[in-house]
PDB file of all heavy atoms in Angstrom:
ATOM      1  N   ARG A   1       7.682   7.271 -12.837  1.00  0.00           N
ATOM      2  CA  ARG A   1       8.050   7.760 -14.164  1.00  0.00           C
ATOM      3  C   ARG A   1       7.939   6.631 -15.178  1.00  0.00           C
ATOM      4  O   ARG A   1       7.845   5.450 -14.829  1.00  0.00           O
ATOM      5  CB  ARG A   1       9.485   8.293 -14.144  1.00  0.00           C
ATOM      6  CG  ARG A   1      10.527   7.225 -13.881  1.00  0.00           C
ATOM      7  CD  ARG A   1      11.925   7.820 -13.759  1.00  0.00           C
ATOM      8  NE  ARG A   1      12.921   6.757 -13.603  1.00  0.00           N
ATOM      9  CZ  ARG A   1      14.181   6.969 -13.271  1.00  0.00           C
ATOM     10  NH1 ARG A   1      14.597   8.205 -13.056  1.00  0.00           N
ATOM     11  NH2 ARG A   1      15.020   5.963 -13.157  1.00  0.00           N
ATOM     12  N   GLY A   2       7.963   7.015 -16.428  1.00  0.00           N
ATOM     13  CA  GLY A   2       7.984   6.050 -17.518  1.00  0.00           C
ATOM     14  C   GLY A   2       6.721   5.220 -17.595  1.00  0.00           C
ATOM     15  O   GLY A   2       5.654   5.587 -17.103  1.00  0.00           O
ATOM     16  N   ARG A   3       6.859   4.049 -18.210  1.00  0.00           N
ATOM     17  CA  ARG A   3       5.695   3.208 -18.476  1.00  0.00           C
ATOM     18  C   ARG A   3       5.103   2.573 -17.235  1.00  0.00           C
ATOM     19  O   ARG A   3       3.947   2.128 -17.255  1.00  0.00           O
ATOM     20  CB  ARG A   3       6.074   2.112 -19.481  1.00  0.00           C
ATOM     21  CG  ARG A   3       6.390   2.656 -20.869  1.00  0.00           C
ATOM     22  CD  ARG A   3       6.756   1.545 -21.819  1.00  0.00           C
ATOM     23  NE  ARG A   3       6.921   2.049 -23.184  1.00  0.00           N
ATOM     24  CZ  ARG A   3       7.250   1.292 -24.228  1.00  0.00           C
ATOM     25  NH1 ARG A   3       7.465   0.002 -24.053  1.00  0.00           N
ATOM     26  NH2 ARG A   3       7.377   1.811 -25.426  1.00  0.00           N
ATOM     27  N   LEU A   4       5.872   2.523 -16.156  1.00  0.00           N
ATOM     28  CA  LEU A   4       5.330   1.951 -14.937  1.00  0.00           C
ATOM     29  C   LEU A   4       4.347   2.875 -14.226  1.00  0.00           C
ATOM     30  O   LEU A   4       3.597   2.433 -13.353  1.00  0.00           O
ATOM     31  CB  LEU A   4       6.469   1.575 -13.980  1.00  0.00           C
ATOM     32  CG  LEU A   4       7.310   0.353 -14.380  1.00  0.00           C
ATOM     33  CD1 LEU A   4       8.402   0.109 -13.351  1.00  0.00           C
ATOM     34  CD2 LEU A   4       6.440  -0.888 -14.523  1.00  0.00           C
ATOM     35  N   GLN A   5       4.327   4.152 -14.596  1.00  0.00           N
ATOM     36  CA  GLN A   5       3.392   5.087 -13.978  1.00  0.00           C
ATOM     37  C   GLN A   5       1.954   4.615 -14.099  1.00  0.00           C
ATOM     38  O   GLN A   5       1.125   4.829 -13.203  1.00  0.00           O
ATOM     39  CB  GLN A   5       3.522   6.471 -14.616  1.00  0.00           C
ATOM     40  CG  GLN A   5       4.645   7.322 -14.053  1.00  0.00           C
ATOM     41  CD  GLN A   5       4.646   8.716 -14.650  1.00  0.00           C
ATOM     42  OE1 GLN A   5       4.840   8.892 -15.846  1.00  0.00           O
ATOM     43  NE2 GLN A   5       4.406   9.699 -13.814  1.00  0.00           N
ATOM     44  N   ALA A   6       1.639   3.959 -15.207  1.00  0.00           N
ATOM     45  CA  ALA A   6       0.270   3.498 -15.436  1.00  0.00           C
ATOM     46  C   ALA A   6      -0.160   2.448 -14.427  1.00  0.00           C
ATOM     47  O   ALA A   6      -1.364   2.218 -14.237  1.00  0.00           O
ATOM     48  CB  ALA A   6       0.153   2.937 -16.857  1.00  0.00           C
ATOM     49  N   TYR A   7       0.803   1.818 -13.751  1.00  0.00           N
ATOM     50  CA  TYR A   7       0.484   0.751 -12.816  1.00  0.00           C
ATOM     51  C   TYR A   7       0.648   1.178 -11.360  1.00  0.00           C
ATOM     52  O   TYR A   7       0.529   0.346 -10.453  1.00  0.00           O
ATOM     53  CB  TYR A   7       1.360  -0.469 -13.102  1.00  0.00           C
ATOM     54  CG  TYR A   7       1.248  -0.943 -14.528  1.00  0.00           C
ATOM     55  CD1 TYR A   7       2.277  -0.712 -15.442  1.00  0.00           C
ATOM     56  CD2 TYR A   7       0.106  -1.576 -14.981  1.00  0.00           C
ATOM     57  CE1 TYR A   7       2.164  -1.118 -16.763  1.00  0.00           C
ATOM     58  CE2 TYR A   7      -0.030  -1.982 -16.292  1.00  0.00           C
ATOM     59  CZ  TYR A   7       1.016  -1.753 -17.185  1.00  0.00           C
ATOM     60  OH  TYR A   7       0.890  -2.149 -18.487  1.00  0.00           O
ATOM     61  N   ALA A   8       0.917   2.457 -11.141  1.00  0.00           N
ATOM     62  CA  ALA A   8       1.090   2.951  -9.777  1.00  0.00           C
ATOM     63  C   ALA A   8      -0.253   2.963  -9.049  1.00  0.00           C
ATOM     64  O   ALA A   8      -1.278   3.353  -9.610  1.00  0.00           O
ATOM     65  CB  ALA A   8       1.694   4.353  -9.800  1.00  0.00           C
ATOM     66  N   LEU A   9      -0.253   2.516  -7.802  1.00  0.00           N
ATOM     67  CA  LEU A   9      -1.452   2.542  -6.966  1.00  0.00           C
ATOM     68  C   LEU A   9      -1.253   3.578  -5.865  1.00  0.00           C
ATOM     69  O   LEU A   9      -0.131   3.795  -5.398  1.00  0.00           O
ATOM     70  CB  LEU A   9      -1.699   1.165  -6.339  1.00  0.00           C
ATOM     71  CG  LEU A   9      -1.982   0.010  -7.298  1.00  0.00           C
ATOM     72  CD1 LEU A   9      -2.173  -1.282  -6.508  1.00  0.00           C
ATOM     73  CD2 LEU A   9      -3.183   0.299  -8.161  1.00  0.00           C
ATOM     74  N   PRO A  10      -2.330   4.216  -5.431  1.00  0.00           N
ATOM     75  CA  PRO A  10      -2.184   5.209  -4.362  1.00  0.00           C
ATOM     76  C   PRO A  10      -1.754   4.561  -3.059  1.00  0.00           C
ATOM     77  O   PRO A  10      -2.196   3.452  -2.725  1.00  0.00           O
ATOM     78  CB  PRO A  10      -3.593   5.808  -4.250  1.00  0.00           C
ATOM     79  CG  PRO A  10      -4.506   4.774  -4.843  1.00  0.00           C
ATOM     80  CD  PRO A  10      -3.724   4.086  -5.897  1.00  0.00           C
ATOM     81  N   ASP A  11      -0.873   5.245  -2.337  1.00  0.00           N
ATOM     82  CA  ASP A  11      -0.433   4.770  -1.035  1.00  0.00           C
ATOM     83  C   ASP A  11      -1.415   5.307  -0.003  1.00  0.00           C
ATOM     84  O   ASP A  11      -1.544   6.521   0.181  1.00  0.00           O
ATOM     85  CB  ASP A  11       0.991   5.254  -0.738  1.00  0.00           C
ATOM     86  CG  ASP A  11       1.558   4.630   0.531  1.00  0.00           C
ATOM     87  OD1 ASP A  11       0.782   4.039   1.299  1.00  0.00           O
ATOM     88  OD2 ASP A  11       2.781   4.738   0.743  1.00  0.00           O
ATOM     89  N   THR A  12      -2.118   4.411   0.665  1.00  0.00           N
ATOM     90  CA  THR A  12      -3.125   4.843   1.631  1.00  0.00           C
ATOM     91  C   THR A  12      -2.511   5.333   2.933  1.00  0.00           C
ATOM     92  O   THR A  12      -3.226   5.866   3.779  1.00  0.00           O
ATOM     93  CB  THR A  12      -4.104   3.686   1.930  1.00  0.00           C
ATOM     94  OG1 THR A  12      -3.364   2.551   2.410  1.00  0.00           O
ATOM     95  CG2 THR A  12      -4.862   3.291   0.662  1.00  0.00           C
ATOM     96  N   GLU A  13      -1.200   5.148   3.099  1.00  0.00           N
ATOM     97  CA  GLU A  13      -0.481   5.667   4.275  1.00  0.00           C
ATOM     98  C   GLU A  13       0.807   6.335   3.792  1.00  0.00           C
ATOM     99  O   GLU A  13       1.909   5.846   4.056  1.00  0.00           O
ATOM    100  CB  GLU A  13      -0.150   4.531   5.255  1.00  0.00           C
ATOM    101  CG  GLU A  13      -1.350   3.860   5.888  1.00  0.00           C
ATOM    102  CD  GLU A  13      -1.843   4.613   7.117  1.00  0.00           C
ATOM    103  OE1 GLU A  13      -1.375   5.748   7.351  1.00  0.00           O
ATOM    104  OE2 GLU A  13      -2.682   4.061   7.836  1.00  0.00           O
ATOM    105  N   PRO A  14       0.709   7.461   3.074  1.00  0.00           N
ATOM    106  CA  PRO A  14       1.900   8.053   2.450  1.00  0.00           C
ATOM    107  C   PRO A  14       2.952   8.522   3.443  1.00  0.00           C
ATOM    108  O   PRO A  14       4.120   8.671   3.077  1.00  0.00           O
ATOM    109  CB  PRO A  14       1.326   9.224   1.647  1.00  0.00           C
ATOM    110  CG  PRO A  14       0.021   9.540   2.306  1.00  0.00           C
ATOM    111  CD  PRO A  14      -0.515   8.240   2.794  1.00  0.00           C
ATOM    112  N   ASP A  15       2.567   8.756   4.692  1.00  0.00           N
ATOM    113  CA  ASP A  15       3.526   9.230   5.684  1.00  0.00           C
ATOM    114  C   ASP A  15       4.180   8.097   6.465  1.00  0.00           C
ATOM    115  O   ASP A  15       5.082   8.337   7.271  1.00  0.00           O
ATOM    116  CB  ASP A  15       2.832  10.177   6.678  1.00  0.00           C
ATOM    117  CG  ASP A  15       2.289  11.423   5.999  1.00  0.00           C
ATOM    118  OD1 ASP A  15       2.914  11.868   5.007  1.00  0.00           O
ATOM    119  OD2 ASP A  15       1.241  11.932   6.438  1.00  0.00           O
ATOM    120  N   ALA A  16       3.749   6.888   6.231  1.00  0.00           N
ATOM    121  CA  ALA A  16       4.285   5.753   6.976  1.00  0.00           C
ATOM    122  C   ALA A  16       5.677   5.391   6.458  1.00  0.00           C
ATOM    123  O   ALA A  16       5.936   5.457   5.261  1.00  0.00           O
ATOM    124  CB  ALA A  16       3.365   4.551   6.860  1.00  0.00           C
ATOM    125  N   PRO A  17       6.584   4.972   7.343  1.00  0.00           N
ATOM    126  CA  PRO A  17       7.933   4.576   6.912  1.00  0.00           C
ATOM    127  C   PRO A  17       7.979   3.184   6.297  1.00  0.00           C
ATOM    128  O   PRO A  17       9.024   2.762   5.803  1.00  0.00           O
ATOM    129  CB  PRO A  17       8.744   4.618   8.210  1.00  0.00           C
ATOM    130  CG  PRO A  17       7.743   4.351   9.281  1.00  0.00           C
ATOM    131  CD  PRO A  17       6.456   4.964   8.818  1.00  0.00           C
ATOM    132  N   GLY A  18       6.873   2.461   6.341  1.00  0.00           N
ATOM    133  CA  GLY A  18       6.810   1.126   5.775  1.00  0.00           C
ATOM    134  C   GLY A  18       5.391   0.785   5.370  1.00  0.00           C
ATOM    135  O   GLY A  18       4.510   1.657   5.321  1.00  0.00           O
ATOM    136  N   GLN A  19       5.155  -0.483   5.097  1.00  0.00           N
ATOM    137  CA  GLN A  19       3.840  -0.928   4.645  1.00  0.00           C
ATOM    138  C   GLN A  19       3.459  -2.211   5.364  1.00  0.00           C
ATOM    139  O   GLN A  19       4.304  -3.081   5.588  1.00  0.00           O
ATOM    140  CB  GLN A  19       3.859  -1.182   3.134  1.00  0.00           C
ATOM    141  CG  GLN A  19       4.232   0.039   2.316  1.00  0.00           C
ATOM    142  CD  GLN A  19       4.666  -0.318   0.900  1.00  0.00           C
ATOM    143  OE1 GLN A  19       3.854  -0.746   0.085  1.00  0.00           O
ATOM    144  NE2 GLN A  19       5.948  -0.145   0.622  1.00  0.00           N
ATOM    145  N   LEU A  20       2.173  -2.324   5.704  1.00  0.00           N
ATOM    146  CA  LEU A  20       1.642  -3.529   6.327  1.00  0.00           C
ATOM    147  C   LEU A  20       0.368  -3.921   5.595  1.00  0.00           C
ATOM    148  O   LEU A  20      -0.544  -3.099   5.434  1.00  0.00           O
ATOM    149  CB  LEU A  20       1.340  -3.299   7.814  1.00  0.00           C
ATOM    150  CG  LEU A  20       0.731  -4.500   8.551  1.00  0.00           C
ATOM    151  CD1 LEU A  20       1.783  -5.596   8.737  1.00  0.00           C
ATOM    152  CD2 LEU A  20       0.143  -4.073   9.896  1.00  0.00           C
ATOM    153  N   TYR A  21       0.321  -5.157   5.149  1.00  0.00           N
ATOM    154  CA  TYR A  21      -0.850  -5.645   4.421  1.00  0.00           C
ATOM    155  C   TYR A  21      -1.365  -6.929   5.046  1.00  0.00           C
ATOM    156  O   TYR A  21      -0.583  -7.753   5.545  1.00  0.00           O
ATOM    157  CB  TYR A  21      -0.512  -5.901   2.946  1.00  0.00           C
ATOM    158  CG  TYR A  21      -0.042  -4.670   2.209  1.00  0.00           C
ATOM    159  CD1 TYR A  21       1.306  -4.507   1.886  1.00  0.00           C
ATOM    160  CD2 TYR A  21      -0.936  -3.667   1.854  1.00  0.00           C
ATOM    161  CE1 TYR A  21       1.743  -3.376   1.219  1.00  0.00           C
ATOM    162  CE2 TYR A  21      -0.504  -2.521   1.187  1.00  0.00           C
ATOM    163  CZ  TYR A  21       0.834  -2.382   0.871  1.00  0.00           C
ATOM    164  OH  TYR A  21       1.265  -1.252   0.217  1.00  0.00           O
ATOM    165  N   ASN A  22      -2.687  -7.083   5.008  1.00  0.00           N
ATOM    166  CA  ASN A  22      -3.334  -8.317   5.400  1.00  0.00           C
ATOM    167  C   ASN A  22      -3.652  -9.073   4.121  1.00  0.00           C
ATOM    168  O   ASN A  22      -4.615  -8.770   3.423  1.00  0.00           O
ATOM    169  CB  ASN A  22      -4.615  -8.003   6.182  1.00  0.00           C
ATOM    170  CG  ASN A  22      -5.344  -9.254   6.652  1.00  0.00           C
ATOM    171  OD1 ASN A  22      -5.198 -10.333   6.084  1.00  0.00           O
ATOM    172  ND2 ASN A  22      -6.151  -9.105   7.694  1.00  0.00           N
ATOM    173  N   LEU A  23      -2.837 -10.072   3.783  1.00  0.00           N
ATOM    174  CA  LEU A  23      -2.988 -10.756   2.503  1.00  0.00           C
ATOM    175  C   LEU A  23      -4.259 -11.590   2.427  1.00  0.00           C
ATOM    176  O   LEU A  23      -4.732 -11.888   1.327  1.00  0.00           O
ATOM    177  CB  LEU A  23      -1.775 -11.634   2.225  1.00  0.00           C
ATOM    178  CG  LEU A  23      -0.452 -10.904   1.973  1.00  0.00           C
ATOM    179  CD1 LEU A  23       0.653 -11.918   1.659  1.00  0.00           C
ATOM    180  CD2 LEU A  23      -0.566  -9.882   0.864  1.00  0.00           C
ATOM    181  N   ALA A  24      -4.815 -11.965   3.582  1.00  0.00           N
ATOM    182  CA  ALA A  24      -6.064 -12.718   3.570  1.00  0.00           C
ATOM    183  C   ALA A  24      -7.222 -11.850   3.088  1.00  0.00           C
ATOM    184  O   ALA A  24      -8.077 -12.301   2.320  1.00  0.00           O
ATOM    185  CB  ALA A  24      -6.359 -13.278   4.957  1.00  0.00           C
ATOM    186  N   ASP A  25      -7.255 -10.601   3.529  1.00  0.00           N
ATOM    187  CA  ASP A  25      -8.325  -9.679   3.151  1.00  0.00           C
ATOM    188  C   ASP A  25      -7.972  -8.835   1.936  1.00  0.00           C
ATOM    189  O   ASP A  25      -8.863  -8.363   1.230  1.00  0.00           O
ATOM    190  CB  ASP A  25      -8.648  -8.730   4.319  1.00  0.00           C
ATOM    191  CG  ASP A  25      -9.157  -9.464   5.543  1.00  0.00           C
ATOM    192  OD1 ASP A  25      -9.690 -10.587   5.375  1.00  0.00           O
ATOM    193  OD2 ASP A  25      -9.005  -8.933   6.657  1.00  0.00           O
ATOM    194  N   ASP A  26      -6.676  -8.653   1.700  1.00  0.00           N
ATOM    195  CA  ASP A  26      -6.219  -7.712   0.670  1.00  0.00           C
ATOM    196  C   ASP A  26      -5.027  -8.313  -0.073  1.00  0.00           C
ATOM    197  O   ASP A  26      -3.903  -7.831   0.033  1.00  0.00           O
ATOM    198  CB  ASP A  26      -5.836  -6.382   1.345  1.00  0.00           C
ATOM    199  CG  ASP A  26      -5.330  -5.327   0.379  1.00  0.00           C
ATOM    200  OD1 ASP A  26      -5.707  -5.381  -0.812  1.00  0.00           O
ATOM    201  OD2 ASP A  26      -4.550  -4.459   0.819  1.00  0.00           O
ATOM    202  N   PRO A  27      -5.259  -9.374  -0.844  1.00  0.00           N
ATOM    203  CA  PRO A  27      -4.127 -10.018  -1.540  1.00  0.00           C
ATOM    204  C   PRO A  27      -3.460  -9.114  -2.564  1.00  0.00           C
ATOM    205  O   PRO A  27      -2.303  -9.352  -2.928  1.00  0.00           O
ATOM    206  CB  PRO A  27      -4.775 -11.237  -2.213  1.00  0.00           C
ATOM    207  CG  PRO A  27      -6.219 -10.893  -2.322  1.00  0.00           C
ATOM    208  CD  PRO A  27      -6.538 -10.060  -1.125  1.00  0.00           C
ATOM    209  N   GLY A  28      -4.155  -8.074  -3.011  1.00  0.00           N
ATOM    210  CA  GLY A  28      -3.574  -7.153  -3.975  1.00  0.00           C
ATOM    211  C   GLY A  28      -2.706  -6.075  -3.349  1.00  0.00           C
ATOM    212  O   GLY A  28      -2.181  -5.205  -4.063  1.00  0.00           O
ATOM    213  N   GLU A  29      -2.540  -6.112  -2.018  1.00  0.00           N
ATOM    214  CA  GLU A  29      -1.689  -5.147  -1.300  1.00  0.00           C
ATOM    215  C   GLU A  29      -2.041  -3.705  -1.667  1.00  0.00           C
ATOM    216  O   GLU A  29      -1.191  -2.917  -2.078  1.00  0.00           O
ATOM    217  CB  GLU A  29      -0.210  -5.446  -1.572  1.00  0.00           C
ATOM    218  CG  GLU A  29       0.226  -6.820  -1.066  1.00  0.00           C
ATOM    219  CD  GLU A  29       1.625  -7.202  -1.476  1.00  0.00           C
ATOM    220  OE1 GLU A  29       1.805  -7.653  -2.630  1.00  0.00           O
ATOM    221  OE2 GLU A  29       2.543  -7.065  -0.660  1.00  0.00           O
ATOM    222  N   THR A  30      -3.313  -3.382  -1.482  1.00  0.00           N
ATOM    223  CA  THR A  30      -3.797  -2.040  -1.841  1.00  0.00           C
ATOM    224  C   THR A  30      -4.055  -1.157  -0.623  1.00  0.00           C
ATOM    225  O   THR A  30      -4.111   0.061  -0.766  1.00  0.00           O
ATOM    226  CB  THR A  30      -5.107  -2.147  -2.642  1.00  0.00           C
ATOM    227  OG1 THR A  30      -6.118  -2.783  -1.840  1.00  0.00           O
ATOM    228  CG2 THR A  30      -4.899  -2.934  -3.926  1.00  0.00           C
ATOM    229  N   ARG A  31      -4.225  -1.755   0.572  1.00  0.00           N
ATOM    230  CA  ARG A  31      -4.566  -0.982   1.767  1.00  0.00           C
ATOM    231  C   ARG A  31      -3.457  -1.108   2.801  1.00  0.00           C
ATOM    232  O   ARG A  31      -3.329  -2.156   3.458  1.00  0.00           O
ATOM    233  CB  ARG A  31      -5.909  -1.437   2.350  1.00  0.00           C
ATOM    234  CG  ARG A  31      -7.067  -1.249   1.392  1.00  0.00           C
ATOM    235  CD  ARG A  31      -8.407  -1.581   2.050  1.00  0.00           C
ATOM    236  NE  ARG A  31      -8.492  -2.975   2.498  1.00  0.00           N
ATOM    237  CZ  ARG A  31      -8.828  -3.983   1.715  1.00  0.00           C
ATOM    238  NH1 ARG A  31      -9.087  -3.769   0.436  1.00  0.00           N
ATOM    239  NH2 ARG A  31      -8.910  -5.214   2.210  1.00  0.00           N
ATOM    240  N   ASN A  32      -2.660  -0.064   2.930  1.00  0.00           N
ATOM    241  CA  ASN A  32      -1.562  -0.046   3.880  1.00  0.00           C
ATOM    242  C   ASN A  32      -2.121   0.170   5.281  1.00  0.00           C
ATOM    243  O   ASN A  32      -2.717   1.206   5.573  1.00  0.00           O
ATOM    244  CB  ASN A  32      -0.580   1.067   3.506  1.00  0.00           C
ATOM    245  CG  ASN A  32       0.677   1.052   4.363  1.00  0.00           C
ATOM    246  OD1 ASN A  32       0.818   0.242   5.273  1.00  0.00           O
ATOM    247  ND2 ASN A  32       1.591   1.953   4.073  1.00  0.00           N
ATOM    248  N   LEU A  33      -1.911  -0.788   6.172  1.00  0.00           N
ATOM    249  CA  LEU A  33      -2.447  -0.734   7.539  1.00  0.00           C
ATOM    250  C   LEU A  33      -1.371  -0.395   8.556  1.00  0.00           C
ATOM    251  O   LEU A  33      -1.539  -0.656   9.753  1.00  0.00           O
ATOM    252  CB  LEU A  33      -3.078  -2.091   7.890  1.00  0.00           C
ATOM    253  CG  LEU A  33      -4.166  -2.606   6.934  1.00  0.00           C
ATOM    254  CD1 LEU A  33      -4.643  -3.992   7.364  1.00  0.00           C
ATOM    255  CD2 LEU A  33      -5.332  -1.633   6.858  1.00  0.00           C
ATOM    256  N   TYR A  34      -0.300   0.211   8.116  1.00  0.00           N
ATOM    257  CA  TYR A  34       0.867   0.446   8.974  1.00  0.00           C
ATOM    258  C   TYR A  34       0.486   1.228  10.235  1.00  0.00           C
ATOM    259  O   TYR A  34       0.891   0.864  11.349  1.00  0.00           O
ATOM    260  CB  TYR A  34       1.933   1.210   8.190  1.00  0.00           C
ATOM    261  CG  TYR A  34       3.311   1.203   8.820  1.00  0.00           C
ATOM    262  CD1 TYR A  34       4.249   0.245   8.454  1.00  0.00           C
ATOM    263  CD2 TYR A  34       3.680   2.152   9.765  1.00  0.00           C
ATOM    264  CE1 TYR A  34       5.516   0.228   9.012  1.00  0.00           C
ATOM    265  CE2 TYR A  34       4.953   2.150  10.328  1.00  0.00           C
ATOM    266  CZ  TYR A  34       5.867   1.181   9.958  1.00  0.00           C
ATOM    267  OH  TYR A  34       7.121   1.166  10.517  1.00  0.00           O
ATOM    268  N   HIS A  35      -0.276   2.301  10.075  1.00  0.00           N
ATOM    269  CA  HIS A  35      -0.651   3.113  11.237  1.00  0.00           C
ATOM    270  C   HIS A  35      -1.877   2.557  11.947  1.00  0.00           C
ATOM    271  O   HIS A  35      -2.080   2.834  13.137  1.00  0.00           O
ATOM    272  CB  HIS A  35      -0.920   4.557  10.818  1.00  0.00           C
ATOM    273  CG  HIS A  35       0.326   5.323  10.495  1.00  0.00           C
ATOM    274  ND1 HIS A  35       1.487   5.215  11.223  1.00  0.00           N
ATOM    275  CD2 HIS A  35       0.591   6.224   9.501  1.00  0.00           C
ATOM    276  CE1 HIS A  35       2.418   6.010  10.710  1.00  0.00           C
ATOM    277  NE2 HIS A  35       1.903   6.628   9.661  1.00  0.00           N
ATOM    278  N   GLN A  36      -2.681   1.769  11.246  1.00  0.00           N
ATOM    279  CA  GLN A  36      -3.898   1.226  11.858  1.00  0.00           C
ATOM    280  C   GLN A  36      -3.606   0.049  12.776  1.00  0.00           C
ATOM    281  O   GLN A  36      -4.368  -0.215  13.705  1.00  0.00           O
ATOM    282  CB  GLN A  36      -4.883   0.798  10.772  1.00  0.00           C
ATOM    283  CG  GLN A  36      -5.405   1.949   9.927  1.00  0.00           C
ATOM    284  CD  GLN A  36      -6.369   1.472   8.859  1.00  0.00           C
ATOM    285  OE1 GLN A  36      -7.226   0.632   9.121  1.00  0.00           O
ATOM    286  NE2 GLN A  36      -6.231   2.009   7.656  1.00  0.00           N
ATOM    287  N   ARG A  37      -2.540  -0.696  12.500  1.00  0.00           N
ATOM    288  CA  ARG A  37      -2.213  -1.867  13.320  1.00  0.00           C
ATOM    289  C   ARG A  37      -0.780  -1.760  13.841  1.00  0.00           C
ATOM    290  O   ARG A  37       0.096  -2.566  13.507  1.00  0.00           O
ATOM    291  CB  ARG A  37      -2.396  -3.153  12.516  1.00  0.00           C
ATOM    292  CG  ARG A  37      -3.808  -3.392  12.009  1.00  0.00           C
ATOM    293  CD  ARG A  37      -4.837  -3.471  13.157  1.00  0.00           C
ATOM    294  NE  ARG A  37      -4.539  -4.500  14.110  1.00  0.00           N
ATOM    295  CZ  ARG A  37      -5.004  -5.755  14.034  1.00  0.00           C
ATOM    296  NH1 ARG A  37      -5.776  -6.098  13.015  1.00  0.00           N
ATOM    297  NH2 ARG A  37      -4.710  -6.635  14.952  1.00  0.00           N
ATOM    298  N   PRO A  38      -0.503  -0.753  14.683  1.00  0.00           N
ATOM    299  CA  PRO A  38       0.878  -0.538  15.156  1.00  0.00           C
ATOM    300  C   PRO A  38       1.416  -1.712  15.960  1.00  0.00           C
ATOM    301  O   PRO A  38       2.626  -1.961  15.967  1.00  0.00           O
ATOM    302  CB  PRO A  38       0.766   0.732  16.013  1.00  0.00           C
ATOM    303  CG  PRO A  38      -0.677   0.787  16.413  1.00  0.00           C
ATOM    304  CD  PRO A  38      -1.437   0.240  15.252  1.00  0.00           C
TER     305      PRO A  38
END
């Protein structure tokens, strides 16, 4: 909601209870690998 909506990024794992990112490959934290790297 509000002005932060413009900065929302899609969650690539919307059903995951958490988030996992590889900062070396994805420093912008855009690709949630939670289910891909259990």
